[in-house]
All heavy atoms as atom14 arrays in JSON, in Angstrom:
{
  "sequence": "HILDSLTLLPCIDSCVSGAVLDMGTGAGFPGIPLCLATERSFTLLDSV",
  "atom14_mask": [
    [1, 1, 1, 1, 1, 1, 1, 1, 1, 1, 0, 0, 0, 0],
    [1, 1, 1, 1, 1, 1, 1, 1, 0, 0, 0, 0, 0, 0],
    [1, 1, 1, 1, 1, 1, 1, 1, 0, 0, 0, 0, 0, 0],
    [1, 1, 1, 1, 1, 1, 1, 1, 0, 0, 0, 0, 0, 0],
    [1, 1, 1, 1, 1, 1, 0, 0, 0, 0, 0, 0, 0, 0],
    [1, 1, 1, 1, 1, 1, 1, 1, 0, 0, 0, 0, 0, 0],
    [1, 1, 1, 1, 1, 1, 1, 0, 0, 0, 0, 0, 0, 0],
    [1, 1, 1, 1, 1, 1, 1, 1, 0, 0, 0, 0, 0, 0],
    [1, 1, 1, 1, 1, 1, 1, 1, 0, 0, 0, 0, 0, 0],
    [1, 1, 1, 1, 1, 1, 1, 0, 0, 0, 0, 0, 0, 0],
    [1, 1, 1, 1, 1, 1, 0, 0, 0, 0, 0, 0, 0, 0],
    [1, 1, 1, 1, 1, 1, 1, 1, 0, 0, 0, 0, 0, 0],
    [1, 1, 1, 1, 1, 1, 1, 1, 0, 0, 0, 0, 0, 0],
    [1, 1, 1, 1, 1, 1, 0, 0, 0, 0, 0, 0, 0, 0],
    [1, 1, 1, 1, 1, 1, 0, 0, 0, 0, 0, 0, 0, 0],
    [1, 1, 1, 1, 1, 1, 1, 0, 0, 0, 0, 0, 0, 0],
    [1, 1, 1, 1, 1, 1, 0, 0, 0, 0, 0, 0, 0, 0],
    [1, 1, 1, 1, 0, 0, 0, 0, 0, 0, 0, 0, 0, 0],
    [1, 1, 1, 1, 1, 0, 0, 0, 0, 0, 0, 0, 0, 0],
    [1, 1, 1, 1, 1, 1, 1, 0, 0, 0, 0, 0, 0, 0],
    [1, 1, 1, 1, 1, 1, 1, 1, 0, 0, 0, 0, 0, 0],
    [1, 1, 1, 1, 1, 1, 1, 1, 0, 0, 0, 0, 0, 0],
    [1, 1, 1, 1, 1, 1, 1, 1, 0, 0, 0, 0, 0, 0],
    [1, 1, 1, 1, 0, 0, 0, 0, 0, 0, 0, 0, 0, 0],
    [1, 1, 1, 1, 1, 1, 1, 0, 0, 0, 0, 0, 0, 0],
    [1, 1, 1, 1, 0, 0, 0, 0, 0, 0, 0, 0, 0, 0],
    [1, 1, 1, 1, 1, 0, 0, 0, 0, 0, 0, 0, 0, 0],
    [1, 1, 1, 1, 0, 0, 0, 0, 0, 0, 0, 0, 0, 0],
    [1, 1, 1, 1, 1, 1, 1, 1, 1, 1, 1, 0, 0, 0],
    [1, 1, 1, 1, 1, 1, 1, 0, 0, 0, 0, 0, 0, 0],
    [1, 1, 1, 1, 0, 0, 0, 0, 0, 0, 0, 0, 0, 0],
    [1, 1, 1, 1, 1, 1, 1, 1, 0, 0, 0, 0, 0, 0],
    [1, 1, 1, 1, 1, 1, 1, 0, 0, 0, 0, 0, 0, 0],
    [1, 1, 1, 1, 1, 1, 1, 1, 0, 0, 0, 0, 0, 0],
    [1, 1, 1, 1, 1, 1, 0, 0, 0, 0, 0, 0, 0, 0],
    [1, 1, 1, 1, 1, 1, 1, 1, 0, 0, 0, 0, 0, 0],
    [1, 1, 1, 1, 1, 0, 0, 0, 0, 0, 0, 0, 0, 0],
    [1, 1, 1, 1, 1, 1, 1, 0, 0, 0, 0, 0, 0, 0],
    [1, 1, 1, 1, 1, 1, 1, 1, 1, 0, 0, 0, 0, 0],
    [1, 1, 1, 1, 1, 1, 1, 1, 1, 1, 1, 0, 0, 0],
    [1, 1, 1, 1, 1, 1, 0, 0, 0, 0, 0, 0, 0, 0],
    [1, 1, 1, 1, 1, 1, 1, 1, 1, 1, 1, 0, 0, 0],
    [1, 1, 1, 1, 1, 1, 1, 0, 0, 0, 0, 0, 0, 0],
    [1, 1, 1, 1, 1, 1, 1, 1, 0, 0, 0, 0, 0, 0],
    [1, 1, 1, 1, 1, 1, 1, 1, 0, 0, 0, 0, 0, 0],
    [1, 1, 1, 1, 1, 1, 1, 1, 0, 0, 0, 0, 0, 0],
    [1, 1, 1, 1, 1, 1, 0, 0, 0, 0, 0, 0, 0, 0],
    [1, 1, 1, 1, 1, 1, 1, 0, 0, 0, 0, 0, 0, 0]
  ],
  "atom14_positions": [
    [[0.8, -1.19, 0.0], [-0.06, -0.04, 0.01], [0.8, 1.18, 0.07], [0.73, 2.1, -0.87], [-0.93, 0.02, 1.23], [-2.12, -0.81, 1.1], [-2.82, -0.87, -0.23], [-2.81, -1.58, 1.89], [-3.85, -1.72, -0.07], [-3.95, -2.1, 1.18], [0.0, 0.0, 0.0], [0.0, 0.0, 0.0], [0.0, 0.0, 0.0], [0.0, 0.0, 0.0]],
    [[1.69, 1.4, 0.97], [2.43, 2.66, 1.11], [3.5, 2.76, 0.15], [3.6, 3.71, -0.66], [2.91, 2.83, 2.57], [1.87, 2.89, 3.67], [3.79, 4.13, 2.71], [2.34, 2.91, 5.08], [0.0, 0.0, 0.0], [0.0, 0.0, 0.0], [0.0, 0.0, 0.0], [0.0, 0.0, 0.0], [0.0, 0.0, 0.0], [0.0, 0.0, 0.0]],
    [[4.53, 1.82, 0.23], [5.64, 2.0, -0.71], [5.15, 1.92, -2.24], [5.67, 2.59, -3.02], [6.67, 0.91, -0.53], [7.98, 1.03, -1.16], [8.76, 2.15, -0.55], [8.68, -0.28, -1.22], [0.0, 0.0, 0.0], [0.0, 0.0, 0.0], [0.0, 0.0, 0.0], [0.0, 0.0, 0.0], [0.0, 0.0, 0.0], [0.0, 0.0, 0.0]],
    [[4.3, 1.05, -2.41], [3.66, 0.97, -3.88], [3.1, 2.23, -4.26], [3.24, 2.61, -5.47], [2.63, -0.1, -3.82], [2.3, -0.63, -5.26], [3.11, -0.44, -6.15], [1.24, -1.23, -5.45], [0.0, 0.0, 0.0], [0.0, 0.0, 0.0], [0.0, 0.0, 0.0], [0.0, 0.0, 0.0], [0.0, 0.0, 0.0], [0.0, 0.0, 0.0]],
    [[2.5, 3.0, -3.42], [1.98, 4.31, -3.73], [3.14, 5.26, -3.99], [2.99, 6.11, -4.9], [1.11, 4.81, -2.58], [-0.11, 4.06, -2.38], [0.0, 0.0, 0.0], [0.0, 0.0, 0.0], [0.0, 0.0, 0.0], [0.0, 0.0, 0.0], [0.0, 0.0, 0.0], [0.0, 0.0, 0.0], [0.0, 0.0, 0.0], [0.0, 0.0, 0.0]],
    [[4.13, 5.34, -3.15], [5.23, 6.21, -3.21], [6.15, 6.03, -4.42], [6.87, 6.88, -4.83], [6.01, 6.17, -1.94], [5.25, 6.73, -0.69], [6.2, 6.62, 0.66], [4.84, 8.17, -0.75], [0.0, 0.0, 0.0], [0.0, 0.0, 0.0], [0.0, 0.0, 0.0], [0.0, 0.0, 0.0], [0.0, 0.0, 0.0], [0.0, 0.0, 0.0]],
    [[6.09, 4.79, -4.95], [6.93, 4.51, -6.26], [6.49, 5.5, -7.39], [7.23, 5.63, -8.32], [6.88, 3.12, -6.7], [5.38, 2.78, -6.94], [7.38, 2.16, -5.63], [0.0, 0.0, 0.0], [0.0, 0.0, 0.0], [0.0, 0.0, 0.0], [0.0, 0.0, 0.0], [0.0, 0.0, 0.0], [0.0, 0.0, 0.0], [0.0, 0.0, 0.0]],
    [[5.37, 6.04, -7.31], [4.87, 7.09, -8.31], [5.5, 8.4, -8.19], [5.4, 9.2, -9.1], [3.28, 7.22, -8.3], [2.51, 6.18, -9.03], [2.62, 4.82, -8.46], [0.99, 6.59, -9.0], [0.0, 0.0, 0.0], [0.0, 0.0, 0.0], [0.0, 0.0, 0.0], [0.0, 0.0, 0.0], [0.0, 0.0, 0.0], [0.0, 0.0, 0.0]],
    [[6.17, 8.62, -7.06], [6.76, 10.0, -6.83], [7.68, 10.49, -7.95], [7.55, 11.66, -8.39], [7.5, 9.99, -5.53], [6.64, 10.29, -4.28], [7.48, 10.15, -2.87], [6.15, 11.73, -4.27], [0.0, 0.0, 0.0], [0.0, 0.0, 0.0], [0.0, 0.0, 0.0], [0.0, 0.0, 0.0], [0.0, 0.0, 0.0], [0.0, 0.0, 0.0]],
    [[8.6, 9.7, -8.37], [9.46, 10.14, -9.58], [8.65, 10.59, -10.78], [9.06, 11.7, -11.39], [10.41, 8.96, -9.83], [10.41, 8.28, -8.56], [9.03, 8.37, -7.92], [0.0, 0.0, 0.0], [0.0, 0.0, 0.0], [0.0, 0.0, 0.0], [0.0, 0.0, 0.0], [0.0, 0.0, 0.0], [0.0, 0.0, 0.0], [0.0, 0.0, 0.0]],
    [[7.7, 9.89, -11.09], [6.8, 10.35, -12.2], [6.12, 11.56, -11.87], [5.98, 12.44, -12.7], [5.83, 9.25, -12.55], [6.45, 7.73, -13.47], [0.0, 0.0, 0.0], [0.0, 0.0, 0.0], [0.0, 0.0, 0.0], [0.0, 0.0, 0.0], [0.0, 0.0, 0.0], [0.0, 0.0, 0.0], [0.0, 0.0, 0.0], [0.0, 0.0, 0.0]],
    [[5.57, 11.65, -10.65], [4.89, 12.94, -10.28], [5.79, 14.14, -10.31], [5.39, 15.27, -10.79], [4.3, 12.76, -8.81], [3.33, 11.67, -8.71], [3.69, 14.09, -8.36], [2.0, 11.79, -9.39], [0.0, 0.0, 0.0], [0.0, 0.0, 0.0], [0.0, 0.0, 0.0], [0.0, 0.0, 0.0], [0.0, 0.0, 0.0], [0.0, 0.0, 0.0]],
    [[7.0, 13.92, -9.88], [8.05, 15.06, -9.92], [8.29, 15.49, -11.34], [8.73, 16.62, -11.63], [9.24, 14.59, -9.28], [9.2, 14.53, -7.73], [8.22, 14.94, -7.16], [9.99, 13.7, -7.11], [0.0, 0.0, 0.0], [0.0, 0.0, 0.0], [0.0, 0.0, 0.0], [0.0, 0.0, 0.0], [0.0, 0.0, 0.0], [0.0, 0.0, 0.0]],
    [[8.06, 14.62, -12.33], [8.33, 15.02, -13.82], [7.11, 15.74, -14.3], [7.34, 16.28, -15.49], [8.59, 13.8, -14.63], [9.71, 13.08, -14.14], [0.0, 0.0, 0.0], [0.0, 0.0, 0.0], [0.0, 0.0, 0.0], [0.0, 0.0, 0.0], [0.0, 0.0, 0.0], [0.0, 0.0, 0.0], [0.0, 0.0, 0.0], [0.0, 0.0, 0.0]],
    [[6.05, 15.88, -13.64], [4.81, 16.47, -14.17], [4.81, 17.96, -13.9], [5.43, 18.5, -13.02], [3.61, 15.81, -13.48], [3.39, 14.13, -13.79], [0.0, 0.0, 0.0], [0.0, 0.0, 0.0], [0.0, 0.0, 0.0], [0.0, 0.0, 0.0], [0.0, 0.0, 0.0], [0.0, 0.0, 0.0], [0.0, 0.0, 0.0], [0.0, 0.0, 0.0]],
    [[3.98, 18.66, -14.77], [3.87, 20.08, -14.51], [3.23, 20.34, -13.26], [2.53, 19.47, -12.68], [2.95, 20.72, -15.58], [3.69, 20.65, -16.99], [1.65, 20.11, -15.71], [0.0, 0.0, 0.0], [0.0, 0.0, 0.0], [0.0, 0.0, 0.0], [0.0, 0.0, 0.0], [0.0, 0.0, 0.0], [0.0, 0.0, 0.0], [0.0, 0.0, 0.0]],
    [[3.44, 21.54, -12.61], [2.81, 21.86, -11.31], [1.3, 22.06, -11.44], [0.74, 22.24, -12.48], [3.3, 23.22, -10.77], [3.09, 24.26, -11.62], [0.0, 0.0, 0.0], [0.0, 0.0, 0.0], [0.0, 0.0, 0.0], [0.0, 0.0, 0.0], [0.0, 0.0, 0.0], [0.0, 0.0, 0.0], [0.0, 0.0, 0.0], [0.0, 0.0, 0.0]],
    [[0.63, 21.71, -10.37], [-0.81, 21.71, -10.28], [-1.48, 20.62, -9.54], [-0.79, 19.8, -8.95], [0.0, 0.0, 0.0], [0.0, 0.0, 0.0], [0.0, 0.0, 0.0], [0.0, 0.0, 0.0], [0.0, 0.0, 0.0], [0.0, 0.0, 0.0], [0.0, 0.0, 0.0], [0.0, 0.0, 0.0], [0.0, 0.0, 0.0], [0.0, 0.0, 0.0]],
    [[-2.79, 20.67, -9.56], [-3.58, 19.73, -8.68], [-3.57, 18.31, -9.2], [-3.36, 18.05, -10.48], [-5.06, 20.27, -8.67], [0.0, 0.0, 0.0], [0.0, 0.0, 0.0], [0.0, 0.0, 0.0], [0.0, 0.0, 0.0], [0.0, 0.0, 0.0], [0.0, 0.0, 0.0], [0.0, 0.0, 0.0], [0.0, 0.0, 0.0], [0.0, 0.0, 0.0]],
    [[-3.77, 17.38, -8.37], [-3.76, 15.99, -8.65], [-5.12, 15.33, -8.34], [-5.82, 15.63, -7.32], [-2.75, 15.21, -7.79], [-2.69, 13.69, -8.23], [-1.33, 15.87, -8.01], [0.0, 0.0, 0.0], [0.0, 0.0, 0.0], [0.0, 0.0, 0.0], [0.0, 0.0, 0.0], [0.0, 0.0, 0.0], [0.0, 0.0, 0.0], [0.0, 0.0, 0.0]],
    [[-5.59, 14.49, -9.29], [-6.79, 13.68, -9.06], [-6.36, 12.23, -9.04], [-5.77, 11.75, -9.91], [-7.82, 13.83, -10.22], [-9.01, 12.95, -10.12], [-9.97, 13.29, -9.05], [-9.76, 12.82, -11.5], [0.0, 0.0, 0.0], [0.0, 0.0, 0.0], [0.0, 0.0, 0.0], [0.0, 0.0, 0.0], [0.0, 0.0, 0.0], [0.0, 0.0, 0.0]],
    [[-6.75, 11.43, -7.94], [-6.53, 10.06, -7.82], [-7.87, 9.34, -7.98], [-8.72, 9.39, -7.29], [-6.06, 9.77, -6.32], [-5.74, 8.39, -6.12], [-5.42, 7.7, -7.1], [-5.71, 7.88, -5.01], [0.0, 0.0, 0.0], [0.0, 0.0, 0.0], [0.0, 0.0, 0.0], [0.0, 0.0, 0.0], [0.0, 0.0, 0.0], [0.0, 0.0, 0.0]],
    [[-7.8, 8.7, -9.26], [-9.04, 7.99, -9.66], [-9.13, 6.63, -8.93], [-8.07, 5.92, -8.79], [-9.03, 7.6, -11.16], [-8.95, 9.0, -12.02], [-9.3, 8.56, -13.84], [-7.8, 7.47, -14.12], [0.0, 0.0, 0.0], [0.0, 0.0, 0.0], [0.0, 0.0, 0.0], [0.0, 0.0, 0.0], [0.0, 0.0, 0.0], [0.0, 0.0, 0.0]],
    [[-10.38, 6.21, -8.45], [-10.5, 4.91, -7.85], [-9.64, 4.8, -6.59], [-8.95, 3.82, -6.33], [0.0, 0.0, 0.0], [0.0, 0.0, 0.0], [0.0, 0.0, 0.0], [0.0, 0.0, 0.0], [0.0, 0.0, 0.0], [0.0, 0.0, 0.0], [0.0, 0.0, 0.0], [0.0, 0.0, 0.0], [0.0, 0.0, 0.0], [0.0, 0.0, 0.0]],
    [[-9.66, 5.78, -5.73], [-8.7, 5.95, -4.55], [-8.91, 4.8, -3.56], [-8.02, 4.52, -2.78], [-8.91, 7.31, -3.95], [-7.79, 7.47, -2.98], [-10.18, 7.39, -3.11], [0.0, 0.0, 0.0], [0.0, 0.0, 0.0], [0.0, 0.0, 0.0], [0.0, 0.0, 0.0], [0.0, 0.0, 0.0], [0.0, 0.0, 0.0], [0.0, 0.0, 0.0]],
    [[-10.11, 4.16, -3.45], [-10.27, 3.14, -2.5], [-10.13, 3.63, -1.08], [-10.92, 4.45, -0.58], [0.0, 0.0, 0.0], [0.0, 0.0, 0.0], [0.0, 0.0, 0.0], [0.0, 0.0, 0.0], [0.0, 0.0, 0.0], [0.0, 0.0, 0.0], [0.0, 0.0, 0.0], [0.0, 0.0, 0.0], [0.0, 0.0, 0.0], [0.0, 0.0, 0.0]],
    [[-9.06, 3.09, -0.42], [-8.78, 3.6, 0.99], [-7.87, 4.66, 1.06], [-7.41, 5.14, 2.16], [-8.08, 2.32, 1.82], [0.0, 0.0, 0.0], [0.0, 0.0, 0.0], [0.0, 0.0, 0.0], [0.0, 0.0, 0.0], [0.0, 0.0, 0.0], [0.0, 0.0, 0.0], [0.0, 0.0, 0.0], [0.0, 0.0, 0.0], [0.0, 0.0, 0.0]],
    [[-7.67, 5.35, -0.09], [-6.8, 6.53, -0.2], [-5.46, 6.33, -0.63], [-4.44, 7.08, -0.44], [0.0, 0.0, 0.0], [0.0, 0.0, 0.0], [0.0, 0.0, 0.0], [0.0, 0.0, 0.0], [0.0, 0.0, 0.0], [0.0, 0.0, 0.0], [0.0, 0.0, 0.0], [0.0, 0.0, 0.0], [0.0, 0.0, 0.0], [0.0, 0.0, 0.0]],
    [[-5.27, 5.18, -1.45], [-4.0, 4.79, -2.04], [-4.12, 5.07, -3.59], [-5.1, 4.52, -4.12], [-3.57, 3.46, -1.72], [-3.41, 3.21, -0.24], [-4.33, 2.43, 0.38], [-2.31, 3.67, 0.49], [-4.19, 2.16, 1.81], [-2.12, 3.5, 1.85], [-3.24, 2.68, 2.55], [0.0, 0.0, 0.0], [0.0, 0.0, 0.0], [0.0, 0.0, 0.0]],
    [[-3.16, 5.63, -4.21], [-1.96, 6.16, -3.65], [-2.07, 7.68, -3.3], [-1.18, 8.34, -2.89], [-1.03, 6.21, -4.93], [-1.89, 6.4, -6.05], [-3.17, 5.65, -5.78], [0.0, 0.0, 0.0], [0.0, 0.0, 0.0], [0.0, 0.0, 0.0], [0.0, 0.0, 0.0], [0.0, 0.0, 0.0], [0.0, 0.0, 0.0], [0.0, 0.0, 0.0]],
    [[-3.33, 8.2, -3.25], [-3.49, 9.64, -3.04], [-2.96, 10.21, -1.83], [-2.28, 11.19, -1.74], [0.0, 0.0, 0.0], [0.0, 0.0, 0.0], [0.0, 0.0, 0.0], [0.0, 0.0, 0.0], [0.0, 0.0, 0.0], [0.0, 0.0, 0.0], [0.0, 0.0, 0.0], [0.0, 0.0, 0.0], [0.0, 0.0, 0.0], [0.0, 0.0, 0.0]],
    [[-3.3, 9.59, -0.66], [-2.85, 10.18, 0.68], [-1.31, 10.08, 0.85], [-0.66, 11.15, 1.18], [-3.69, 9.53, 1.76], [-5.07, 10.01, 1.79], [-2.93, 9.82, 3.15], [-5.92, 9.46, 2.87], [0.0, 0.0, 0.0], [0.0, 0.0, 0.0], [0.0, 0.0, 0.0], [0.0, 0.0, 0.0], [0.0, 0.0, 0.0], [0.0, 0.0, 0.0]],
    [[-0.67, 8.99, 0.49], [0.77, 8.87, 0.62], [1.39, 10.0, -0.24], [2.38, 10.71, 0.15], [1.16, 7.56, 0.25], [0.08, 6.69, 0.66], [-1.13, 7.53, 0.41], [0.0, 0.0, 0.0], [0.0, 0.0, 0.0], [0.0, 0.0, 0.0], [0.0, 0.0, 0.0], [0.0, 0.0, 0.0], [0.0, 0.0, 0.0], [0.0, 0.0, 0.0]],
    [[0.93, 10.13, -1.43], [1.5, 11.14, -2.43], [1.23, 12.49, -1.83], [2.06, 13.44, -2.06], [0.91, 10.98, -3.76], [1.35, 9.74, -4.48], [0.63, 9.52, -5.85], [2.85, 9.65, -4.71], [0.0, 0.0, 0.0], [0.0, 0.0, 0.0], [0.0, 0.0, 0.0], [0.0, 0.0, 0.0], [0.0, 0.0, 0.0], [0.0, 0.0, 0.0]],
    [[0.08, 12.8, -1.26], [-0.26, 14.06, -0.74], [0.72, 14.44, 0.44], [1.28, 15.54, 0.47], [-1.68, 14.16, -0.25], [-2.22, 15.76, 0.31], [0.0, 0.0, 0.0], [0.0, 0.0, 0.0], [0.0, 0.0, 0.0], [0.0, 0.0, 0.0], [0.0, 0.0, 0.0], [0.0, 0.0, 0.0], [0.0, 0.0, 0.0], [0.0, 0.0, 0.0]],
    [[0.98, 13.42, 1.37], [1.89, 13.64, 2.36], [3.25, 13.9, 2.01], [4.06, 14.61, 2.57], [1.89, 12.4, 3.19], [0.68, 12.15, 4.11], [0.59, 10.7, 4.6], [0.65, 13.07, 5.32], [0.0, 0.0, 0.0], [0.0, 0.0, 0.0], [0.0, 0.0, 0.0], [0.0, 0.0, 0.0], [0.0, 0.0, 0.0], [0.0, 0.0, 0.0]],
    [[3.58, 13.29, 0.74], [5.03, 13.44, 0.21], [5.25, 14.68, -0.7], [6.35, 14.86, -1.1], [5.4, 12.11, -0.44], [0.0, 0.0, 0.0], [0.0, 0.0, 0.0], [0.0, 0.0, 0.0], [0.0, 0.0, 0.0], [0.0, 0.0, 0.0], [0.0, 0.0, 0.0], [0.0, 0.0, 0.0], [0.0, 0.0, 0.0], [0.0, 0.0, 0.0]],
    [[4.2, 15.25, -1.05], [4.35, 16.43, -1.92], [3.69, 17.67, -1.39], [2.95, 17.61, -0.31], [3.79, 16.11, -3.37], [2.42, 16.12, -3.17], [4.39, 14.93, -3.83], [0.0, 0.0, 0.0], [0.0, 0.0, 0.0], [0.0, 0.0, 0.0], [0.0, 0.0, 0.0], [0.0, 0.0, 0.0], [0.0, 0.0, 0.0], [0.0, 0.0, 0.0]],
    [[3.7, 18.8, -2.0], [3.01, 19.99, -1.65], [1.82, 20.29, -2.61], [1.18, 21.27, -2.39], [4.01, 21.22, -1.83], [5.2, 21.09, -0.88], [4.81, 21.16, 0.57], [3.93, 21.89, 1.01], [5.49, 20.39, 1.29], [0.0, 0.0, 0.0], [0.0, 0.0, 0.0], [0.0, 0.0, 0.0], [0.0, 0.0, 0.0], [0.0, 0.0, 0.0]],
    [[1.43, 19.31, -3.41], [0.33, 19.51, -4.28], [-1.03, 19.29, -3.55], [-1.05, 18.71, -2.44], [0.41, 18.55, -5.44], [1.57, 18.65, -6.38], [1.6, 17.55, -7.39], [2.83, 17.53, -8.27], [2.8, 18.12, -9.52], [1.72, 18.65, -10.04], [3.88, 17.99, -10.3], [0.0, 0.0, 0.0], [0.0, 0.0, 0.0], [0.0, 0.0, 0.0]],
    [[-2.13, 19.83, -4.2], [-3.38, 19.69, -3.71], [-4.0, 18.4, -4.42], [-3.67, 18.11, -5.54], [-4.31, 20.9, -3.96], [-4.39, 21.12, -5.33], [0.0, 0.0, 0.0], [0.0, 0.0, 0.0], [0.0, 0.0, 0.0], [0.0, 0.0, 0.0], [0.0, 0.0, 0.0], [0.0, 0.0, 0.0], [0.0, 0.0, 0.0], [0.0, 0.0, 0.0]],
    [[-4.93, 17.61, -3.71], [-5.29, 16.34, -4.14], [-6.84, 16.3, -4.0], [-7.42, 16.73, -3.08], [-4.69, 15.21, -3.4], [-3.26, 14.79, -3.78], [-2.23, 15.64, -3.58], [-3.17, 13.56, -4.46], [-0.92, 15.3, -3.93], [-1.86, 13.18, -4.88], [-0.76, 14.07, -4.62], [0.0, 0.0, 0.0], [0.0, 0.0, 0.0], [0.0, 0.0, 0.0]],
    [[-7.41, 15.63, -5.04], [-8.91, 15.15, -4.96], [-8.86, 13.62, -5.06], [-8.25, 13.11, -6.05], [-9.7, 15.78, -6.05], [-9.68, 17.23, -5.96], [-11.17, 15.23, -6.02], [0.0, 0.0, 0.0], [0.0, 0.0, 0.0], [0.0, 0.0, 0.0], [0.0, 0.0, 0.0], [0.0, 0.0, 0.0], [0.0, 0.0, 0.0], [0.0, 0.0, 0.0]],
    [[-9.41, 12.97, -4.09], [-9.35, 11.57, -4.09], [-10.79, 11.1, -4.48], [-11.79, 11.27, -3.74], [-9.04, 10.98, -2.75], [-7.83, 11.59, -2.15], [-7.48, 11.03, -0.76], [-6.62, 11.59, -3.05], [0.0, 0.0, 0.0], [0.0, 0.0, 0.0], [0.0, 0.0, 0.0], [0.0, 0.0, 0.0], [0.0, 0.0, 0.0], [0.0, 0.0, 0.0]],
    [[-10.99, 10.47, -5.68], [-12.23, 10.23, -6.28], [-12.57, 8.72, -6.23], [-11.69, 7.85, -6.51], [-12.26, 10.58, -7.78], [-13.56, 10.38, -8.54], [-14.71, 11.3, -7.99], [-13.29, 10.66, -9.97], [0.0, 0.0, 0.0], [0.0, 0.0, 0.0], [0.0, 0.0, 0.0], [0.0, 0.0, 0.0], [0.0, 0.0, 0.0], [0.0, 0.0, 0.0]],
    [[-13.78, 8.25, -5.75], [-14.24, 6.91, -5.77], [-15.71, 6.97, -5.98], [-16.45, 7.88, -5.51], [-13.79, 6.15, -4.54], [-13.75, 4.65, -4.69], [-14.82, 3.99, -4.72], [-12.67, 4.18, -4.87], [0.0, 0.0, 0.0], [0.0, 0.0, 0.0], [0.0, 0.0, 0.0], [0.0, 0.0, 0.0], [0.0, 0.0, 0.0], [0.0, 0.0, 0.0]],
    [[-16.25, 5.91, -6.56], [-17.71, 5.77, -6.8], [-18.53, 5.23, -5.57], [-19.62, 5.26, -5.53], [-18.04, 5.0, -8.02], [-17.55, 3.68, -7.93], [0.0, 0.0, 0.0], [0.0, 0.0, 0.0], [0.0, 0.0, 0.0], [0.0, 0.0, 0.0], [0.0, 0.0, 0.0], [0.0, 0.0, 0.0], [0.0, 0.0, 0.0], [0.0, 0.0, 0.0]],
    [[-17.71, 4.67, -4.62], [-18.34, 3.94, -3.42], [-18.4, 4.81, -2.31], [-17.37, 5.24, -1.75], [-17.57, 2.65, -3.14], [-18.22, 1.9, -1.94], [-17.46, 1.75, -4.29], [0.0, 0.0, 0.0], [0.0, 0.0, 0.0], [0.0, 0.0, 0.0], [0.0, 0.0, 0.0], [0.0, 0.0, 0.0], [0.0, 0.0, 0.0], [0.0, 0.0, 0.0]]
  ]
}
């Protein structure tokens, strides 16, 4: 859950600045770990 989420960090760092949407966030992965590890704003989206 945690490390698997944080492996996205290098890709996120390559992206333009701005807000992040986490699709199908479930229990908040990877959105919450990435939010904790960056300064970006996040929207965590799920249909449930």
